[in-house]
PDB file of N, CA and C in Angstrom:
ATOM      1  N   UNK A   1     -97.628 -36.735 -16.677  1.00  0.00           N
ATOM      2  CA  UNK A   1     -97.146 -37.305 -15.461  1.00  0.00           C
ATOM      3  C   UNK A   1     -95.627 -37.250 -15.422  1.00  0.00           C
ATOM      4  N   UNK A   2     -95.159 -36.365 -14.735  1.00  0.00           N
ATOM      5  CA  UNK A   2     -93.712 -36.276 -14.569  1.00  0.00           C
ATOM      6  C   UNK A   2     -93.333 -36.815 -13.209  1.00  0.00           C
ATOM      7  N   UNK A   3     -92.230 -37.534 -13.236  1.00  0.00           N
ATOM      8  CA  UNK A   3     -91.744 -38.092 -11.970  1.00  0.00           C
ATOM      9  C   UNK A   3     -90.814 -37.092 -11.324  1.00  0.00           C
ATOM     10  N   UNK A   4     -91.013 -36.936 -10.058  1.00  0.00           N
ATOM     11  CA  UNK A   4     -90.140 -36.048  -9.297  1.00  0.00           C
ATOM     12  C   UNK A   4     -88.992 -36.886  -8.725  1.00  0.00           C
ATOM     13  N   UNK A   5     -87.790 -36.513  -9.074  1.00  0.00           N
ATOM     14  CA  UNK A   5     -86.614 -37.247  -8.600  1.00  0.00           C
ATOM     15  C   UNK A   5     -86.138 -36.595  -7.306  1.00  0.00           C
ATOM     16  N   UNK A   6     -86.071 -37.397  -6.293  1.00  0.00           N
ATOM     17  CA  UNK A   6     -85.604 -36.873  -5.004  1.00  0.00           C
ATOM     18  C   UNK A   6     -84.142 -37.254  -4.827  1.00  0.00           C
ATOM     19  N   UNK A   7     -83.369 -36.310  -4.357  1.00  0.00           N
ATOM     20  CA  UNK A   7     -81.956 -36.597  -4.087  1.00  0.00           C
ATOM     21  C   UNK A   7     -81.842 -37.200  -2.693  1.00  0.00           C
ATOM     22  N   UNK A   8     -81.041 -38.184  -2.565  1.00  0.00           N
ATOM     23  CA  UNK A   8     -80.899 -38.783  -1.232  1.00  0.00           C
ATOM     24  C   UNK A   8     -80.206 -37.822  -0.277  1.00  0.00           C
ATOM     25  N   UNK A   9     -80.613 -37.890   0.958  1.00  0.00           N
ATOM     26  CA  UNK A   9     -80.035 -37.004   1.965  1.00  0.00           C
ATOM     27  C   UNK A   9     -78.615 -37.411   2.328  1.00  0.00           C
ATOM     28  N   UNK A  10     -78.239 -38.599   1.999  1.00  0.00           N
ATOM     29  CA  UNK A  10     -76.888 -39.074   2.311  1.00  0.00           C
ATOM     30  C   UNK A  10     -75.852 -38.242   1.573  1.00  0.00           C
ATOM     31  N   UNK A  11     -76.188 -37.785   0.408  1.00  0.00           N
ATOM     32  CA  UNK A  11     -75.232 -37.009  -0.380  1.00  0.00           C
ATOM     33  C   UNK A  11     -74.942 -35.656   0.247  1.00  0.00           C
ATOM     34  N   UNK A  12     -75.853 -35.150   1.026  1.00  0.00           N
ATOM     35  CA  UNK A  12     -75.670 -33.840   1.638  1.00  0.00           C
ATOM     36  C   UNK A  12     -74.896 -33.901   2.954  1.00  0.00           C
ATOM     37  N   UNK A  13     -74.705 -35.083   3.523  1.00  0.00           N
ATOM     38  CA  UNK A  13     -74.005 -35.205   4.803  1.00  0.00           C
ATOM     39  C   UNK A  13     -72.507 -35.153   4.569  1.00  0.00           C
ATOM     40  N   UNK A  14     -71.783 -34.576   5.541  1.00  0.00           N
ATOM     41  CA  UNK A  14     -70.321 -34.531   5.389  1.00  0.00           C
ATOM     42  C   UNK A  14     -69.715 -35.939   5.471  1.00  0.00           C
ATOM     43  N   UNK A  15     -68.692 -36.141   4.709  1.00  0.00           N
ATOM     44  CA  UNK A  15     -68.020 -37.438   4.684  1.00  0.00           C
ATOM     45  C   UNK A  15     -67.058 -37.506   5.854  1.00  0.00           C
ATOM     46  N   UNK A  16     -67.180 -38.576   6.621  1.00  0.00           N
ATOM     47  CA  UNK A  16     -66.289 -38.754   7.761  1.00  0.00           C
ATOM     48  C   UNK A  16     -64.969 -39.350   7.288  1.00  0.00           C
ATOM     49  N   UNK A  17     -63.902 -38.835   7.859  1.00  0.00           N
ATOM     50  CA  UNK A  17     -62.579 -39.376   7.528  1.00  0.00           C
ATOM     51  C   UNK A  17     -62.441 -40.753   8.172  1.00  0.00           C
ATOM     52  N   UNK A  18     -61.770 -41.670   7.516  1.00  0.00           N
ATOM     53  CA  UNK A  18     -61.565 -42.982   8.134  1.00  0.00           C
ATOM     54  C   UNK A  18     -60.751 -42.845   9.412  1.00  0.00           C
ATOM     55  N   UNK A  19     -61.152 -43.580  10.407  1.00  0.00           N
ATOM     56  CA  UNK A  19     -60.492 -43.475  11.694  1.00  0.00           C
ATOM     57  C   UNK A  19     -59.240 -44.340  11.704  1.00  0.00           C
ATOM     58  N   UNK A  20     -58.181 -43.752  12.196  1.00  0.00           N
ATOM     59  CA  UNK A  20     -56.888 -44.429  12.220  1.00  0.00           C
ATOM     60  C   UNK A  20     -56.705 -45.125  13.560  1.00  0.00           C
ATOM     61  N   UNK A  21     -56.693 -46.444  13.537  1.00  0.00           N
ATOM     62  CA  UNK A  21     -56.506 -47.223  14.758  1.00  0.00           C
ATOM     63  C   UNK A  21     -55.151 -47.911  14.775  1.00  0.00           C
ATOM     64  N   UNK A  22     -54.204 -47.401  14.014  1.00  0.00           N
ATOM     65  CA  UNK A  22     -52.927 -48.102  13.882  1.00  0.00           C
ATOM     66  C   UNK A  22     -52.146 -48.118  15.190  1.00  0.00           C
ATOM     67  N   UNK A  23     -52.153 -47.033  15.954  1.00  0.00           N
ATOM     68  CA  UNK A  23     -51.398 -47.006  17.214  1.00  0.00           C
ATOM     69  C   UNK A  23     -52.009 -47.981  18.218  1.00  0.00           C
ATOM     70  N   UNK A  24     -53.322 -48.043  18.256  1.00  0.00           N
ATOM     71  CA  UNK A  24     -53.989 -48.985  19.153  1.00  0.00           C
ATOM     72  C   UNK A  24     -53.703 -50.427  18.731  1.00  0.00           C
ATOM     73  N   UNK A  25     -53.689 -50.668  17.428  1.00  0.00           N
ATOM     74  CA  UNK A  25     -53.403 -52.017  16.923  1.00  0.00           C
ATOM     75  C   UNK A  25     -51.974 -52.416  17.234  1.00  0.00           C
ATOM     76  N   UNK A  26     -51.047 -51.488  17.066  1.00  0.00           N
ATOM     77  CA  UNK A  26     -49.638 -51.773  17.375  1.00  0.00           C
ATOM     78  C   UNK A  26     -49.481 -52.103  18.848  1.00  0.00           C
ATOM     79  N   UNK A  27     -50.145 -51.357  19.719  1.00  0.00           N
ATOM     80  CA  UNK A  27     -50.024 -51.620  21.152  1.00  0.00           C
ATOM     81  C   UNK A  27     -50.583 -52.991  21.513  1.00  0.00           C
ATOM     82  N   UNK A  28     -51.701 -53.377  20.888  1.00  0.00           N
ATOM     83  CA  UNK A  28     -52.269 -54.694  21.165  1.00  0.00           C
ATOM     84  C   UNK A  28     -51.362 -55.815  20.662  1.00  0.00           C
ATOM     85  N   UNK A  29     -50.820 -55.646  19.466  1.00  0.00           N
ATOM     86  CA  UNK A  29     -49.934 -56.682  18.904  1.00  0.00           C
ATOM     87  C   UNK A  29     -48.679 -56.827  19.766  1.00  0.00           C
ATOM     88  N   UNK A  30     -48.095 -55.720  20.175  1.00  0.00           N
ATOM     89  CA  UNK A  30     -46.911 -55.780  21.044  1.00  0.00           C
ATOM     90  C   UNK A  30     -47.239 -56.449  22.378  1.00  0.00           C
ATOM     91  N   UNK A  31     -48.400 -56.141  22.923  1.00  0.00           N
ATOM     92  CA  UNK A  31     -48.788 -56.747  24.194  1.00  0.00           C
ATOM     93  C   UNK A  31     -48.990 -58.244  24.095  1.00  0.00           C
ATOM     94  N   UNK A  32     -49.623 -58.691  23.031  1.00  0.00           N
ATOM     95  CA  UNK A  32     -49.859 -60.128  22.867  1.00  0.00           C
ATOM     96  C   UNK A  32     -48.546 -60.860  22.610  1.00  0.00           C
ATOM     97  N   UNK A  33     -47.671 -60.272  21.813  1.00  0.00           N
ATOM     98  CA  UNK A  33     -46.365 -60.899  21.565  1.00  0.00           C
ATOM     99  C   UNK A  33     -45.553 -60.957  22.854  1.00  0.00           C
ATOM    100  N   UNK A  34     -45.675 -59.931  23.693  1.00  0.00           N
ATOM    101  CA  UNK A  34     -44.900 -59.915  24.935  1.00  0.00           C
ATOM    102  C   UNK A  34     -45.316 -61.038  25.871  1.00  0.00           C
ATOM    103  N   UNK A  35     -46.558 -61.495  25.779  1.00  0.00           N
ATOM    104  CA  UNK A  35     -46.991 -62.615  26.614  1.00  0.00           C
ATOM    105  C   UNK A  35     -46.358 -63.930  26.170  1.00  0.00           C
ATOM    106  N   UNK A  36     -45.961 -64.004  24.920  1.00  0.00           N
ATOM    107  CA  UNK A  36     -45.396 -65.237  24.387  1.00  0.00           C
ATOM    108  C   UNK A  36     -43.949 -65.461  24.802  1.00  0.00           C
ATOM    109  N   UNK A  37     -43.263 -64.455  25.269  1.00  0.00           N
ATOM    110  CA  UNK A  37     -41.871 -64.669  25.645  1.00  0.00           C
ATOM    111  C   UNK A  37     -41.162 -63.439  26.139  1.00  0.00           C
ATOM    112  N   UNK A  38     -40.646 -62.635  25.243  1.00  0.00           N
ATOM    113  CA  UNK A  38     -39.799 -61.510  25.683  1.00  0.00           C
ATOM    114  C   UNK A  38     -40.632 -60.378  26.284  1.00  0.00           C
ATOM    115  N   UNK A  39     -41.014 -60.550  27.543  1.00  0.00           N
ATOM    116  CA  UNK A  39     -41.917 -59.612  28.189  1.00  0.00           C
ATOM    117  C   UNK A  39     -41.411 -58.198  28.283  1.00  0.00           C
ATOM    118  N   UNK A  40     -40.169 -58.013  28.674  1.00  0.00           N
ATOM    119  CA  UNK A  40     -39.640 -56.658  28.803  1.00  0.00           C
ATOM    120  C   UNK A  40     -39.390 -56.023  27.446  1.00  0.00           C
ATOM    121  N   UNK A  41     -38.995 -56.813  26.489  1.00  0.00           N
ATOM    122  CA  UNK A  41     -38.659 -56.289  25.171  1.00  0.00           C
ATOM    123  C   UNK A  41     -39.889 -55.745  24.432  1.00  0.00           C
ATOM    124  N   UNK A  42     -41.026 -56.412  24.570  1.00  0.00           N
ATOM    125  CA  UNK A  42     -42.235 -55.981  23.893  1.00  0.00           C
ATOM    126  C   UNK A  42     -43.278 -55.397  24.844  1.00  0.00           C
ATOM    127  N   UNK A  43     -43.190 -55.720  26.127  1.00  0.00           N
ATOM    128  CA  UNK A  43     -44.183 -55.250  27.083  1.00  0.00           C
ATOM    129  C   UNK A  43     -44.097 -53.761  27.357  1.00  0.00           C
ATOM    130  N   UNK A  44     -42.891 -53.238  27.506  1.00  0.00           N
ATOM    131  CA  UNK A  44     -42.720 -51.812  27.786  1.00  0.00           C
ATOM    132  C   UNK A  44     -43.169 -50.960  26.598  1.00  0.00           C
ATOM    133  N   UNK A  45     -42.789 -51.282  25.353  1.00  0.00           N
ATOM    134  CA  UNK A  45     -43.335 -50.510  24.224  1.00  0.00           C
ATOM    135  C   UNK A  45     -44.860 -50.627  24.102  1.00  0.00           C
ATOM    136  N   UNK A  46     -45.425 -51.760  24.477  1.00  0.00           N
ATOM    137  CA  UNK A  46     -46.886 -51.905  24.441  1.00  0.00           C
ATOM    138  C   UNK A  46     -47.540 -50.956  25.430  1.00  0.00           C
ATOM    139  N   UNK A  47     -46.947 -50.833  26.604  1.00  0.00           N
ATOM    140  CA  UNK A  47     -47.476 -49.913  27.611  1.00  0.00           C
ATOM    141  C   UNK A  47     -47.379 -48.469  27.114  1.00  0.00           C
ATOM    142  N   UNK A  48     -46.255 -48.130  26.524  1.00  0.00           N
ATOM    143  CA  UNK A  48     -46.045 -46.755  26.049  1.00  0.00           C
ATOM    144  C   UNK A  48     -47.013 -46.409  24.924  1.00  0.00           C
ATOM    145  N   UNK A  49     -47.119 -47.277  23.917  1.00  0.00           N
ATOM    146  CA  UNK A  49     -47.988 -46.957  22.777  1.00  0.00           C
ATOM    147  C   UNK A  49     -49.463 -46.930  23.166  1.00  0.00           C
ATOM    148  N   UNK A  50     -49.866 -47.829  24.055  1.00  0.00           N
ATOM    149  CA  UNK A  50     -51.272 -47.810  24.463  1.00  0.00           C
ATOM    150  C   UNK A  50     -51.575 -46.596  25.330  1.00  0.00           C
ATOM    151  N   UNK A  51     -50.624 -46.165  26.143  1.00  0.00           N
ATOM    152  CA  UNK A  51     -50.828 -44.953  26.946  1.00  0.00           C
ATOM    153  C   UNK A  51     -50.971 -43.728  26.060  1.00  0.00           C
ATOM    154  N   UNK A  52     -50.161 -43.639  25.012  1.00  0.00           N
ATOM    155  CA  UNK A  52     -50.259 -42.512  24.079  1.00  0.00           C
ATOM    156  C   UNK A  52     -51.621 -42.522  23.384  1.00  0.00           C
ATOM    157  N   UNK A  53     -52.053 -43.691  22.929  1.00  0.00           N
ATOM    158  CA  UNK A  53     -53.338 -43.792  22.231  1.00  0.00           C
ATOM    159  C   UNK A  53     -54.503 -43.434  23.151  1.00  0.00           C
ATOM    160  N   UNK A  54     -54.419 -43.832  24.413  1.00  0.00           N
ATOM    161  CA  UNK A  54     -55.498 -43.521  25.346  1.00  0.00           C
ATOM    162  C   UNK A  54     -55.505 -42.042  25.729  1.00  0.00           C
ATOM    163  N   UNK A  55     -54.336 -41.441  25.900  1.00  0.00           N
ATOM    164  CA  UNK A  55     -54.279 -40.023  26.268  1.00  0.00           C
ATOM    165  C   UNK A  55     -54.740 -39.118  25.139  1.00  0.00           C
ATOM    166  N   UNK A  56     -54.438 -39.499  23.898  1.00  0.00           N
ATOM    167  CA  UNK A  56     -54.859 -38.694  22.748  1.00  0.00           C
ATOM    168  C   UNK A  56     -56.301 -38.990  22.347  1.00  0.00           C
ATOM    169  N   UNK A  57     -56.930 -39.919  23.063  1.00  0.00           N
ATOM    170  CA  UNK A  57     -58.312 -40.332  22.774  1.00  0.00           C
ATOM    171  C   UNK A  57     -58.486 -40.752  21.317  1.00  0.00           C
ATOM    172  N   UNK A  58     -57.526 -41.524  20.839  1.00  0.00           N
ATOM    173  CA  UNK A  58     -57.599 -42.050  19.478  1.00  0.00           C
ATOM    174  C   UNK A  58     -58.620 -43.182  19.429  1.00  0.00           C
ATOM    175  N   UNK A  59     -59.176 -43.455  18.255  1.00  0.00           N
ATOM    176  CA  UNK A  59     -60.121 -44.572  18.153  1.00  0.00           C
ATOM    177  C   UNK A  59     -59.413 -45.907  18.398  1.00  0.00           C
ATOM    178  N   UNK A  60     -60.198 -46.888  18.741  1.00  0.00           N
ATOM    179  CA  UNK A  60     -59.620 -48.195  19.053  1.00  0.00           C
ATOM    180  C   UNK A  60     -59.299 -48.318  20.526  1.00  0.00           C
ATOM    181  N   UNK A  61     -60.180 -47.780  21.364  1.00  0.00           N
ATOM    182  CA  UNK A  61     -59.943 -47.782  22.808  1.00  0.00           C
ATOM    183  C   UNK A  61     -59.791 -49.205  23.356  1.00  0.00           C
ATOM    184  N   UNK A  62     -60.585 -50.134  22.858  1.00  0.00           N
ATOM    185  CA  UNK A  62     -60.499 -51.522  23.320  1.00  0.00           C
ATOM    186  C   UNK A  62     -59.155 -52.155  22.991  1.00  0.00           C
ATOM    187  N   UNK A  63     -58.655 -51.864  21.804  1.00  0.00           N
ATOM    188  CA  UNK A  63     -57.341 -52.384  21.415  1.00  0.00           C
ATOM    189  C   UNK A  63     -56.250 -51.796  22.305  1.00  0.00           C
ATOM    190  N   UNK A  64     -56.382 -50.502  22.621  1.00  0.00           N
ATOM    191  CA  UNK A  64     -55.386 -49.855  23.475  1.00  0.00           C
ATOM    192  C   UNK A  64     -55.402 -50.436  24.878  1.00  0.00           C
ATOM    193  N   UNK A  65     -56.588 -50.686  25.397  1.00  0.00           N
ATOM    194  CA  UNK A  65     -56.690 -51.267  26.746  1.00  0.00           C
ATOM    195  C   UNK A  65     -56.119 -52.679  26.760  1.00  0.00           C
ATOM    196  N   UNK A  66     -56.379 -53.436  25.698  1.00  0.00           N
ATOM    197  CA  UNK A  66     -55.813 -54.787  25.598  1.00  0.00           C
ATOM    198  C   UNK A  66     -54.289 -54.735  25.581  1.00  0.00           C
ATOM    199  N   UNK A  67     -53.726 -53.817  24.804  1.00  0.00           N
ATOM    200  CA  UNK A  67     -52.274 -53.662  24.759  1.00  0.00           C
ATOM    201  C   UNK A  67     -51.706 -53.237  26.101  1.00  0.00           C
ATOM    202  N   UNK A  68     -52.410 -52.354  26.799  1.00  0.00           N
ATOM    203  CA  UNK A  68     -51.947 -51.890  28.110  1.00  0.00           C
ATOM    204  C   UNK A  68     -51.952 -53.024  29.125  1.00  0.00           C
ATOM    205  N   UNK A  69     -53.043 -53.774  29.187  1.00  0.00           N
ATOM    206  CA  UNK A  69     -53.151 -54.862  30.176  1.00  0.00           C
ATOM    207  C   UNK A  69     -52.143 -55.959  29.892  1.00  0.00           C
ATOM    208  N   UNK A  70     -52.042 -56.401  28.638  1.00  0.00           N
ATOM    209  CA  UNK A  70     -51.097 -57.481  28.331  1.00  0.00           C
ATOM    210  C   UNK A  70     -49.652 -57.017  28.505  1.00  0.00           C
ATOM    211  N   UNK A  71     -49.373 -55.757  28.198  1.00  0.00           N
ATOM    212  CA  UNK A  71     -48.022 -55.228  28.411  1.00  0.00           C
ATOM    213  C   UNK A  71     -47.653 -55.186  29.886  1.00  0.00           C
ATOM    214  N   UNK A  72     -48.592 -54.753  30.719  1.00  0.00           N
ATOM    215  CA  UNK A  72     -48.331 -54.691  32.165  1.00  0.00           C
ATOM    216  C   UNK A  72     -48.145 -56.095  32.729  1.00  0.00           C
ATOM    217  N   UNK A  73     -49.021 -57.013  32.347  1.00  0.00           N
ATOM    218  CA  UNK A  73     -48.927 -58.386  32.865  1.00  0.00           C
ATOM    219  C   UNK A  73     -47.598 -59.028  32.483  1.00  0.00           C
ATOM    220  N   UNK A  74     -47.196 -58.910  31.234  1.00  0.00           N
ATOM    221  CA  UNK A  74     -45.951 -59.550  30.808  1.00  0.00           C
ATOM    222  C   UNK A  74     -44.732 -58.873  31.437  1.00  0.00           C
ATOM    223  N   UNK A  75     -44.776 -57.564  31.610  1.00  0.00           N
ATOM    224  CA  UNK A  75     -43.653 -56.864  32.244  1.00  0.00           C
ATOM    225  C   UNK A  75     -43.515 -57.274  33.703  1.00  0.00           C
ATOM    226  N   UNK A  76     -44.627 -57.347  34.414  1.00  0.00           N
ATOM    227  CA  UNK A  76     -44.584 -57.751  35.825  1.00  0.00           C
ATOM    228  C   UNK A  76     -44.093 -59.189  35.953  1.00  0.00           C
ATOM    229  N   UNK A  77     -44.599 -60.079  35.116  1.00  0.00           N
ATOM    230  CA  UNK A  77     -44.144 -61.475  35.176  1.00  0.00           C
ATOM    231  C   UNK A  77     -42.658 -61.595  34.850  1.00  0.00           C
ATOM    232  N   UNK A  78     -42.173 -60.827  33.895  1.00  0.00           N
ATOM    233  CA  UNK A  78     -40.752 -60.861  33.546  1.00  0.00           C
ATOM    234  C   UNK A  78     -39.890 -60.350  34.692  1.00  0.00           C
ATOM    235  N   UNK A  79     -40.330 -59.285  35.331  1.00  0.00           N
ATOM    236  CA  UNK A  79     -39.567 -58.739  36.462  1.00  0.00           C
ATOM    237  C   UNK A  79     -39.568 -59.710  37.639  1.00  0.00           C
ATOM    238  N   UNK A  80     -40.698 -60.378  37.887  1.00  0.00           N
ATOM    239  CA  UNK A  80     -40.737 -61.382  38.954  1.00  0.00           C
ATOM    240  C   UNK A  80     -39.800 -62.549  38.643  1.00  0.00           C
ATOM    241  N   UNK A  81     -39.761 -62.982  37.389  1.00  0.00           N
ATOM    242  CA  UNK A  81     -38.884 -64.081  36.991  1.00  0.00           C
ATOM    243  C   UNK A  81     -37.415 -63.691  37.158  1.00  0.00           C
ATOM    244  N   UNK A  82     -37.068 -62.484  36.744  1.00  0.00           N
ATOM    245  CA  UNK A  82     -35.684 -62.016  36.885  1.00  0.00           C
ATOM    246  C   UNK A  82     -35.316 -61.916  38.360  1.00  0.00           C
ATOM    247  N   UNK A  83     -36.228 -61.394  39.175  1.00  0.00           N
ATOM    248  CA  UNK A  83     -35.969 -61.309  40.616  1.00  0.00           C
ATOM    249  C   UNK A  83     -35.784 -62.679  41.244  1.00  0.00           C
ATOM    250  N   UNK A  84     -36.590 -63.646  40.835  1.00  0.00           N
ATOM    251  CA  UNK A  84     -36.459 -65.008  41.354  1.00  0.00           C
ATOM    252  C   UNK A  84     -35.116 -65.617  40.959  1.00  0.00           C
ATOM    253  N   UNK A  85     -34.688 -65.401  39.730  1.00  0.00           N
ATOM    254  CA  UNK A  85     -33.393 -65.923  39.285  1.00  0.00           C
ATOM    255  C   UNK A  85     -32.242 -65.297  40.076  1.00  0.00           C
ATOM    256  N   UNK A  86     -32.334 -64.015  40.351  1.00  0.00           N
ATOM    257  CA  UNK A  86     -31.290 -63.342  41.139  1.00  0.00           C
ATOM    258  C   UNK A  86     -31.263 -63.906  42.556  1.00  0.00           C
ATOM    259  N   UNK A  87     -32.437 -64.084  43.167  1.00  0.00           N
ATOM    260  CA  UNK A  87     -32.487 -64.649  44.518  1.00  0.00           C
ATOM    261  C   UNK A  87     -31.936 -66.075  44.552  1.00  0.00           C
ATOM    262  N   UNK A  88     -32.275 -66.880  43.562  1.00  0.00           N
ATOM    263  CA  UNK A  88     -31.753 -68.252  43.520  1.00  0.00           C
ATOM    264  C   UNK A  88     -30.239 -68.266  43.321  1.00  0.00           C
ATOM    265  N   UNK A  89     -29.722 -67.360  42.527  1.00  0.00           N
ATOM    266  CA  UNK A  89     -28.285 -67.273  42.325  1.00  0.00           C
ATOM    267  C   UNK A  89     -27.583 -66.887  43.630  1.00  0.00           C
ATOM    268  N   UNK A  90     -28.112 -65.891  44.320  1.00  0.00           N
ATOM    269  CA  UNK A  90     -27.521 -65.455  45.592  1.00  0.00           C
ATOM    270  C   UNK A  90     -27.604 -66.572  46.619  1.00  0.00           C
ATOM    271  N   UNK A  91     -28.735 -67.273  46.672  1.00  0.00           N
ATOM    272  CA  UNK A  91     -28.883 -68.361  47.630  1.00  0.00           C
ATOM    273  C   UNK A  91     -27.900 -69.494  47.306  1.00  0.00           C
ATOM    274  N   UNK A  92     -27.737 -69.812  46.033  1.00  0.00           N
ATOM    275  CA  UNK A  92     -26.805 -70.864  45.640  1.00  0.00           C
ATOM    276  C   UNK A  92     -25.360 -70.507  45.953  1.00  0.00           C
ATOM    277  N   UNK A  93     -25.002 -69.234  45.820  1.00  0.00           N
ATOM    278  CA  UNK A  93     -23.648 -68.811  46.144  1.00  0.00           C
ATOM    279  C   UNK A  93     -23.387 -68.837  47.645  1.00  0.00           C
ATOM    280  N   UNK A  94     -24.403 -68.613  48.446  1.00  0.00           N
ATOM    281  CA  UNK A  94     -24.202 -68.590  49.898  1.00  0.00           C
ATOM    282  C   UNK A  94     -24.344 -69.977  50.526  1.00  0.00           C
ATOM    283  N   UNK A  95     -24.810 -70.978  49.807  1.00  0.00           N
ATOM    284  CA  UNK A  95     -24.949 -72.343  50.307  1.00  0.00           C
ATOM    285  C   UNK A  95     -24.275 -73.338  49.362  1.00  0.00           C
ATOM    286  N   UNK A  96     -22.953 -73.269  49.210  1.00  0.00           N
ATOM    287  CA  UNK A  96     -22.298 -74.185  48.272  1.00  0.00           C
ATOM    288  C   UNK A  96     -22.286 -75.634  48.756  1.00  0.00           C
ATOM    289  N   UNK A  97     -22.408 -75.848  50.072  1.00  0.00           N
ATOM    290  CA  UNK A  97     -22.363 -77.221  50.586  1.00  0.00           C
ATOM    291  C   UNK A  97     -23.548 -78.041  50.096  1.00  0.00           C
ATOM    292  N   UNK A  98     -24.672 -77.434  49.890  1.00  0.00           N
ATOM    293  CA  UNK A  98     -25.838 -78.162  49.392  1.00  0.00           C
ATOM    294  C   UNK A  98     -25.603 -78.602  47.952  1.00  0.00           C
ATOM    295  N   UNK A  99     -24.999 -77.745  47.163  1.00  0.00           N
ATOM    296  CA  UNK A  99     -24.726 -78.096  45.778  1.00  0.00           C
ATOM    297  C   UNK A  99     -23.643 -79.164  45.675  1.00  0.00           C
ATOM    298  N   UNK A 100     -22.672 -79.173  46.599  1.00  0.00           N
ATOM    299  CA  UNK A 100     -21.599 -80.168  46.571  1.00  0.00           C
ATOM    300  C   UNK A 100     -22.103 -81.537  46.975  1.00  0.00           C
ATOM    301  N   UNK A 101     -23.081 -81.607  47.874  1.00  0.00           N
ATOM    302  CA  UNK A 101     -23.624 -82.888  48.311  1.00  0.00           C
ATOM    303  C   UNK A 101     -24.345 -83.600  47.179  1.00  0.00           C
ATOM    304  N   UNK A 102     -24.928 -82.862  46.293  1.00  0.00           N
ATOM    305  CA  UNK A 102     -25.702 -83.467  45.227  1.00  0.00           C
ATOM    306  C   UNK A 102     -24.847 -83.908  44.044  1.00  0.00           C
ATOM    307  N   UNK A 103     -23.632 -83.422  43.942  1.00  0.00           N
ATOM    308  CA  UNK A 103     -22.790 -83.822  42.814  1.00  0.00           C
ATOM    309  C   UNK A 103     -22.202 -85.207  43.080  1.00  0.00           C
ATOM    310  N   UNK A 104     -21.822 -85.894  42.024  1.00  0.00           N
ATOM    311  CA  UNK A 104     -21.285 -87.244  42.147  1.00  0.00           C
ATOM    312  C   UNK A 104     -19.905 -87.193  42.791  1.00  0.00           C
ATOM    313  N   UNK A 105     -19.615 -88.131  43.712  1.00  0.00           N
ATOM    314  CA  UNK A 105     -18.298 -88.137  44.348  1.00  0.00           C
ATOM    315  C   UNK A 105     -17.218 -88.510  43.334  1.00  0.00           C
ATOM    316  N   UNK A 106     -16.054 -87.925  43.528  1.00  0.00           N
ATOM    317  CA  UNK A 106     -14.925 -88.216  42.646  1.00  0.00           C
ATOM    318  C   UNK A 106     -14.435 -89.634  42.932  1.00  0.00           C
ATOM    319  N   UNK A 107     -14.081 -90.390  41.899  1.00  0.00           N
ATOM    320  CA  UNK A 107     -13.598 -91.763  42.133  1.00  0.00           C
ATOM    321  C   UNK A 107     -12.245 -91.742  42.838  1.00  0.00           C
ATOM    322  N   UNK A 108     -12.087 -92.672  43.744  1.00  0.00           N
ATOM    323  CA  UNK A 108     -10.813 -92.780  44.462  1.00  0.00           C
ATOM    324  C   UNK A 108      -9.793 -93.474  43.571  1.00  0.00           C
ATOM    325  N   UNK A 109      -8.538 -93.462  44.011  1.00  0.00           N
ATOM    326  CA  UNK A 109      -7.475 -94.058  43.200  1.00  0.00           C
ATOM    327  C   UNK A 109      -7.663 -95.569  43.102  1.00  0.00           C
ATOM    328  N   UNK A 110      -8.112 -96.186  44.213  1.00  0.00           N
ATOM    329  CA  UNK A 110      -8.305 -97.625  44.226  1.00  0.00           C
ATOM    330  C   UNK A 110      -9.451 -98.007  43.280  1.00  0.00           C
ATOM    331  N   UNK A 111     -10.532 -97.251  43.297  1.00  0.00           N
ATOM    332  CA  UNK A 111     -11.668 -97.521  42.421  1.00  0.00           C
ATOM    333  C   UNK A 111     -11.295 -97.346  40.960  1.00  0.00           C
ATOM    334  N   UNK A 112     -10.450 -96.383  40.670  1.00  0.00           N
ATOM    335  CA  UNK A 112     -10.020 -96.146  39.306  1.00  0.00           C
ATOM    336  C   UNK A 112      -9.146 -97.292  38.817  1.00  0.00           C
ATOM    337  N   UNK A 113      -8.259 -97.794  39.701  1.00  0.00           N
ATOM    338  CA  UNK A 113      -7.370 -98.904  39.336  1.00  0.00           C
ATOM    339  C   UNK A 113      -8.186-100.163  39.050  1.00  0.00           C
ATOM    340  N   UNK A 114      -9.204-100.427  39.882  1.00  0.00           N
ATOM    341  CA  UNK A 114     -10.037-101.607  39.659  1.00  0.00           C
ATOM    342  C   UNK A 114     -10.817-101.470  38.354  1.00  0.00           C
ATOM    343  N   UNK A 115     -11.301-100.284  38.068  1.00  0.00           N
ATOM    344  CA  UNK A 115     -12.053-100.062  36.844  1.00  0.00           C
ATOM    345  C   UNK A 115     -11.137-100.265  35.627  1.00  0.00           C
ATOM    346  N   UNK A 116      -9.882 -99.818  35.730  1.00  0.00           N
ATOM    347  CA  UNK A 116      -8.943 -99.950  34.648  1.00  0.00           C
ATOM    348  C   UNK A 116      -8.602-101.417  34.393  1.00  0.00           C
ATOM    349  N   UNK A 117      -8.396-102.184  35.485  1.00  0.00           N
ATOM    350  CA  UNK A 117      -8.043-103.600  35.330  1.00  0.00           C
ATOM    351  C   UNK A 117      -9.205-104.405  34.790  1.00  0.00           C
ATOM    352  N   UNK A 118     -10.423-104.073  35.188  1.00  0.00           N
ATOM    353  CA  UNK A 118     -11.576-104.855  34.707  1.00  0.00           C
ATOM    354  C   UNK A 118     -11.846-104.580  33.236  1.00  0.00           C
ATOM    355  N   UNK A 119     -11.472-103.414  32.745  1.00  0.00           N
ATOM    356  CA  UNK A 119     -11.718-103.106  31.346  1.00  0.00           C
ATOM    357  C   UNK A 119     -10.673-103.766  30.445  1.00  0.00           C
ATOM    358  N   UNK A 120      -9.544-104.176  31.001  1.00  0.00           N
ATOM    359  CA  UNK A 120      -8.502-104.824  30.206  1.00  0.00           C
ATOM    360  C   UNK A 120      -8.847-106.258  29.888  1.00  0.00           C
ATOM    361  N   UNK A 121      -9.546-106.916  30.756  1.00  0.00           N
ATOM    362  CA  UNK A 121      -9.817-108.355  30.569  1.00  0.00           C
ATOM    363  C   UNK A 121     -11.033-108.620  29.757  1.00  0.00           C
TER     364      UNK A 121
END
């Protein structure tokens, strides 16, 4: 009785190279960081890296899409915020009377003299 040893078929299959998802991961990390604050600083590179990963059809498509969406959202929000600040600055420069009404009035000479005399006693 001899046993017949069978070789597994797995050994005959070609070995697949590990898939590199580093560009997709970088785009996702940049996109998520851009949502936390510096939208233009990290959002634009997130858009660029995710676009490259998607065009080259690299693995990690979900990560690339996440980086693209978060990069676009943070970039748009940053641009809207900058535009709002510019509009508020222009509006404030063209309406100085509104800003002057809200500031505290300067003390008159008589009020200052009374304040000085009351602090002496």
